[in-house]
């Protein structure tokens, strides 16, 4: 249990490469995540429809339409 095998070395190397690799990969991933959250919040805020009440009433009575079929 105390020995380190080649698989463990590869896993540690991959994790170190991801965390400390070139061009700040973690910071770019976190920046992209923050941009996504901001655009999602902006989208939620922009989708609210503006409802204007004109004070008109709606006629909710049902109307019968004349039937063109000859069922009589």
N, C-alpha and C. Protein backbone atom coordinates (compact mmCIF):
# COMPACT_ATOMS: atom_id res chain seq x y z
N UNK A 1 0.82 -1.18 0.00
CA UNK A 1 0.00 0.00 0.00
C UNK A 1 0.87 1.25 0.00
N UNK A 2 2.08 1.15 0.40
CA UNK A 2 2.97 2.30 0.49
C UNK A 2 3.69 2.60 -0.81
N UNK A 3 3.66 1.69 -1.77
CA UNK A 3 4.40 1.93 -3.01
C UNK A 3 3.54 2.71 -4.01
N UNK A 4 4.23 3.48 -4.83
CA UNK A 4 3.54 4.29 -5.83
C UNK A 4 3.77 3.63 -7.19
N UNK A 5 2.68 3.28 -7.85
CA UNK A 5 2.77 2.62 -9.13
C UNK A 5 2.73 3.62 -10.28
N UNK A 6 2.92 3.12 -11.49
CA UNK A 6 2.92 4.01 -12.66
C UNK A 6 1.55 4.66 -12.92
N UNK A 7 0.49 3.97 -12.57
CA UNK A 7 -0.84 4.54 -12.77
C UNK A 7 -1.06 5.75 -11.86
N UNK A 8 -0.62 5.65 -10.61
CA UNK A 8 -0.76 6.77 -9.69
C UNK A 8 0.08 7.97 -10.14
N UNK A 9 1.26 7.72 -10.66
CA UNK A 9 2.11 8.80 -11.16
C UNK A 9 1.46 9.50 -12.35
N UNK A 10 0.85 8.73 -13.23
CA UNK A 10 0.17 9.31 -14.40
C UNK A 10 -1.01 10.16 -13.95
N UNK A 11 -1.79 9.67 -12.99
CA UNK A 11 -2.94 10.43 -12.50
C UNK A 11 -2.49 11.74 -11.86
N UNK A 12 -1.45 11.69 -11.04
CA UNK A 12 -0.94 12.90 -10.40
C UNK A 12 -0.40 13.87 -11.44
N UNK A 13 0.28 13.36 -12.45
CA UNK A 13 0.83 14.22 -13.51
C UNK A 13 -0.28 14.89 -14.30
N UNK A 14 -1.35 14.16 -14.60
CA UNK A 14 -2.48 14.74 -15.34
C UNK A 14 -3.16 15.82 -14.51
N UNK A 15 -3.37 15.56 -13.23
CA UNK A 15 -4.01 16.55 -12.36
C UNK A 15 -3.13 17.79 -12.24
N UNK A 16 -1.82 17.61 -12.08
CA UNK A 16 -0.90 18.74 -11.98
C UNK A 16 -0.88 19.53 -13.29
N UNK A 17 -0.94 18.84 -14.41
CA UNK A 17 -0.96 19.52 -15.71
C UNK A 17 -2.23 20.34 -15.89
N UNK A 18 -3.34 19.80 -15.44
CA UNK A 18 -4.60 20.54 -15.54
C UNK A 18 -4.58 21.76 -14.62
N UNK A 19 -4.13 21.58 -13.38
CA UNK A 19 -4.14 22.69 -12.42
C UNK A 19 -3.10 23.76 -12.74
N UNK A 20 -1.90 23.34 -13.09
CA UNK A 20 -0.81 24.29 -13.26
C UNK A 20 -0.32 24.37 -14.70
N UNK A 21 -1.09 23.83 -15.62
CA UNK A 21 -0.69 23.82 -17.02
C UNK A 21 -0.64 25.21 -17.63
N UNK A 22 -0.16 25.27 -18.84
CA UNK A 22 0.04 26.54 -19.53
C UNK A 22 -1.24 27.33 -19.75
N UNK A 23 -1.10 28.62 -19.81
CA UNK A 23 -2.15 29.59 -20.11
C UNK A 23 -3.28 29.60 -19.08
N UNK A 24 -3.07 29.21 -17.88
CA UNK A 24 -4.08 29.32 -16.82
C UNK A 24 -5.40 28.67 -17.18
N UNK A 25 -5.38 27.39 -17.40
CA UNK A 25 -6.59 26.69 -17.84
C UNK A 25 -7.72 26.78 -16.82
N UNK A 26 -7.39 26.68 -15.54
CA UNK A 26 -8.43 26.74 -14.51
C UNK A 26 -9.05 28.13 -14.48
N UNK A 27 -8.23 29.17 -14.59
CA UNK A 27 -8.78 30.52 -14.55
C UNK A 27 -9.64 30.79 -15.78
N UNK A 28 -9.26 30.25 -16.93
CA UNK A 28 -10.09 30.45 -18.12
C UNK A 28 -11.40 29.68 -18.02
N UNK A 29 -11.36 28.50 -17.43
CA UNK A 29 -12.59 27.72 -17.24
C UNK A 29 -13.52 28.44 -16.27
N UNK A 30 -12.96 28.97 -15.19
CA UNK A 30 -13.79 29.69 -14.22
C UNK A 30 -14.33 30.98 -14.81
N UNK A 31 -13.53 31.65 -15.65
CA UNK A 31 -14.00 32.86 -16.33
C UNK A 31 -15.14 32.57 -17.27
N UNK A 32 -15.02 31.47 -18.02
CA UNK A 32 -16.11 31.07 -18.92
C UNK A 32 -17.37 30.71 -18.14
N UNK A 33 -17.20 30.06 -17.00
CA UNK A 33 -18.34 29.72 -16.16
C UNK A 33 -19.03 30.99 -15.64
N UNK A 34 -18.24 31.97 -15.22
CA UNK A 34 -18.82 33.22 -14.73
C UNK A 34 -19.56 33.96 -15.85
N UNK A 35 -18.99 33.96 -17.05
CA UNK A 35 -19.67 34.60 -18.19
C UNK A 35 -20.99 33.91 -18.50
N UNK A 36 -21.00 32.59 -18.40
CA UNK A 36 -22.23 31.84 -18.65
C UNK A 36 -23.30 32.15 -17.63
N UNK A 37 -22.91 32.25 -16.37
CA UNK A 37 -23.88 32.57 -15.31
C UNK A 37 -24.43 33.98 -15.50
N UNK A 38 -23.54 34.93 -15.84
CA UNK A 38 -23.99 36.31 -16.06
C UNK A 38 -24.96 36.40 -17.22
N UNK A 39 -24.66 35.72 -18.32
CA UNK A 39 -25.56 35.78 -19.47
C UNK A 39 -26.89 35.08 -19.17
N UNK A 40 -26.86 34.02 -18.36
CA UNK A 40 -28.09 33.34 -17.96
C UNK A 40 -28.97 34.27 -17.12
N UNK A 41 -28.36 34.97 -16.17
CA UNK A 41 -29.13 35.91 -15.34
C UNK A 41 -29.68 37.05 -16.18
N UNK A 42 -28.88 37.54 -17.12
CA UNK A 42 -29.34 38.62 -17.99
C UNK A 42 -30.50 38.14 -18.85
N UNK A 43 -30.42 36.91 -19.33
CA UNK A 43 -31.51 36.34 -20.11
C UNK A 43 -32.79 36.20 -19.32
N UNK A 44 -32.67 35.81 -18.06
CA UNK A 44 -33.85 35.71 -17.21
C UNK A 44 -34.47 37.08 -16.98
N UNK A 45 -33.63 38.08 -16.82
CA UNK A 45 -34.11 39.43 -16.56
C UNK A 45 -34.77 40.02 -17.81
N UNK A 46 -34.25 39.73 -18.99
CA UNK A 46 -34.76 40.28 -20.24
C UNK A 46 -36.04 39.61 -20.71
N UNK A 47 -36.33 38.41 -20.26
CA UNK A 47 -37.49 37.67 -20.75
C UNK A 47 -38.80 38.07 -20.09
N UNK A 48 -38.77 38.93 -19.09
CA UNK A 48 -40.00 39.34 -18.41
C UNK A 48 -40.83 40.22 -19.34
N UNK A 49 -42.01 39.77 -19.73
CA UNK A 49 -42.83 40.61 -20.62
C UNK A 49 -43.45 41.77 -19.85
N UNK A 50 -43.56 42.88 -20.53
CA UNK A 50 -44.18 44.05 -19.92
C UNK A 50 -45.66 44.02 -20.28
N UNK A 51 -46.49 43.92 -19.27
CA UNK A 51 -47.93 43.83 -19.49
C UNK A 51 -48.54 45.18 -19.16
N UNK A 52 -49.20 45.75 -20.16
CA UNK A 52 -49.86 47.03 -19.94
C UNK A 52 -51.36 46.80 -19.86
N UNK A 53 -51.98 47.31 -18.83
CA UNK A 53 -53.42 47.17 -18.64
C UNK A 53 -54.10 48.36 -19.30
N UNK A 54 -54.87 48.10 -20.35
CA UNK A 54 -55.56 49.17 -21.07
C UNK A 54 -56.94 49.43 -20.50
N UNK A 55 -57.38 48.66 -19.55
CA UNK A 55 -58.68 48.86 -18.94
C UNK A 55 -59.83 48.32 -19.77
N UNK A 56 -59.55 47.51 -20.75
CA UNK A 56 -60.61 46.95 -21.59
C UNK A 56 -61.07 45.63 -21.00
N UNK A 57 -62.36 45.35 -21.16
CA UNK A 57 -62.88 44.07 -20.72
C UNK A 57 -62.92 43.12 -21.90
N UNK A 58 -62.85 41.87 -21.61
CA UNK A 58 -62.87 40.84 -22.64
C UNK A 58 -64.21 40.14 -22.59
N UNK A 59 -64.85 40.01 -23.74
CA UNK A 59 -66.12 39.32 -23.82
C UNK A 59 -65.84 37.82 -23.81
N UNK A 60 -66.23 37.16 -22.75
CA UNK A 60 -65.92 35.75 -22.60
C UNK A 60 -67.08 34.83 -22.92
N UNK A 61 -68.14 35.34 -23.55
CA UNK A 61 -69.28 34.48 -23.86
C UNK A 61 -68.98 33.66 -25.10
N UNK A 62 -69.48 32.45 -25.09
CA UNK A 62 -69.28 31.56 -26.22
C UNK A 62 -70.28 31.89 -27.31
N UNK A 63 -69.83 31.81 -28.53
CA UNK A 63 -70.71 32.08 -29.66
C UNK A 63 -70.89 30.81 -30.47
N UNK A 64 -72.09 30.62 -30.96
CA UNK A 64 -72.34 29.48 -31.83
C UNK A 64 -72.09 29.90 -33.26
N UNK A 65 -71.38 29.06 -33.95
CA UNK A 65 -71.14 29.33 -35.36
C UNK A 65 -72.17 28.56 -36.17
N UNK A 66 -72.55 29.13 -37.27
CA UNK A 66 -73.52 28.46 -38.13
C UNK A 66 -72.86 27.26 -38.78
N UNK A 67 -73.55 26.17 -38.74
CA UNK A 67 -73.02 24.95 -39.32
C UNK A 67 -73.40 24.89 -40.80
N UNK A 68 -72.46 24.50 -41.62
CA UNK A 68 -72.72 24.40 -43.06
C UNK A 68 -73.14 22.99 -43.46
N UNK A 69 -73.05 22.06 -42.54
CA UNK A 69 -73.43 20.69 -42.89
C UNK A 69 -74.94 20.53 -42.77
N UNK A 70 -75.48 19.62 -43.52
CA UNK A 70 -76.93 19.39 -43.51
C UNK A 70 -77.25 18.20 -42.62
N UNK A 71 -77.30 18.45 -41.32
CA UNK A 71 -77.59 17.38 -40.38
C UNK A 71 -79.07 17.31 -40.06
N UNK A 72 -79.89 18.26 -40.51
CA UNK A 72 -81.32 18.30 -40.19
C UNK A 72 -82.09 17.26 -40.92
